[in-house]
Protein backbone atom coordinates (compact mmCIF):
# COMPACT_ATOMS: atom_id res chain seq x y z
CA UNK A 1 106.78 90.42 112.10
CA UNK A 2 109.39 91.26 109.81
CA UNK A 3 106.89 92.21 106.65
CA UNK A 4 105.82 94.84 107.64
CA UNK A 5 108.66 96.05 108.26
CA UNK A 6 108.97 95.33 104.54
CA UNK A 7 106.61 96.27 103.15
CA UNK A 8 106.15 99.82 105.01
CA UNK A 9 110.27 100.82 103.90
CA UNK A 10 108.36 98.90 99.77
CA UNK A 11 105.52 101.06 100.39
CA UNK A 12 107.75 104.07 101.23
CA UNK A 13 109.95 103.65 98.07
CA UNK A 14 106.81 103.89 95.88
CA UNK A 15 105.50 106.57 97.42
CA UNK A 16 108.80 109.13 96.80
CA UNK A 17 108.65 107.45 93.10
CA UNK A 18 105.47 108.43 92.52
CA UNK A 19 105.94 111.88 93.47
CA UNK A 20 109.12 111.90 90.89
CA UNK A 21 107.81 110.39 88.44
CA UNK A 22 104.03 112.01 88.72
CA UNK A 23 104.79 115.58 89.25
CA UNK A 24 105.53 117.51 86.14
CA UNK A 25 101.50 116.06 85.33
CA UNK A 26 99.92 118.19 88.37
CA UNK A 27 103.14 120.72 88.79
CA UNK A 28 103.82 121.52 84.25
CA UNK A 29 100.38 119.54 82.28
CA UNK A 30 96.80 120.16 84.52
CA UNK A 31 95.95 124.69 83.51
CA UNK A 32 97.65 127.03 84.88
CA UNK A 33 94.98 128.69 86.73
CA UNK A 34 95.23 125.92 89.39
CA UNK A 35 97.55 127.59 92.07
CA UNK A 36 100.63 125.87 92.98
CA UNK A 37 99.29 124.95 96.67
CA UNK A 38 96.19 123.77 94.50
CA UNK A 39 97.97 121.16 93.22
CA UNK A 40 99.93 120.49 95.49
CA UNK A 41 96.87 119.91 97.67
CA UNK A 42 95.40 117.12 94.84
CA UNK A 43 98.94 115.13 94.33
CA UNK A 44 98.95 115.35 97.79
CA UNK A 45 95.25 114.35 99.03
CA UNK A 46 95.06 111.41 95.98
CA UNK A 47 98.43 110.22 97.13
CA UNK A 48 98.22 109.68 101.46
CA UNK A 49 93.98 108.10 100.35
CA UNK A 50 94.70 105.77 97.87
CA UNK A 51 98.23 104.73 99.95
CA UNK A 52 95.90 104.38 103.08
CA UNK A 53 93.71 101.45 101.16
CA UNK A 54 96.57 99.41 100.37
CA UNK A 55 98.28 99.58 104.09
CA UNK A 56 94.67 98.17 105.08
CA UNK A 57 94.67 95.83 101.49
CA UNK A 58 97.93 94.31 102.91
CA UNK A 59 97.80 94.52 107.02
CA UNK A 60 94.73 92.53 105.96
CA UNK A 61 96.55 90.30 103.86
CA UNK A 62 99.36 89.43 106.07
CA UNK A 63 96.73 88.54 109.29
CA UNK A 64 94.69 86.51 107.11
CA UNK A 65 98.50 84.57 106.18
CA UNK A 66 99.48 83.87 109.47
CA UNK A 67 96.13 82.65 111.05
């Protein structure tokens, strides 16, 4: 059970790091015509979808490992 705590801690840490290192791309390299709110929405949607799939993968992986 404690591997879930490690996993979610690592997930939160990598999410914060990805926001720090990828935000310059979204806010300075993307076209200036996009509004700031639209850039933030695209950034969060892409990351949340990828992390949802990552969470589902690891829950399935740990579930199969405990069988």
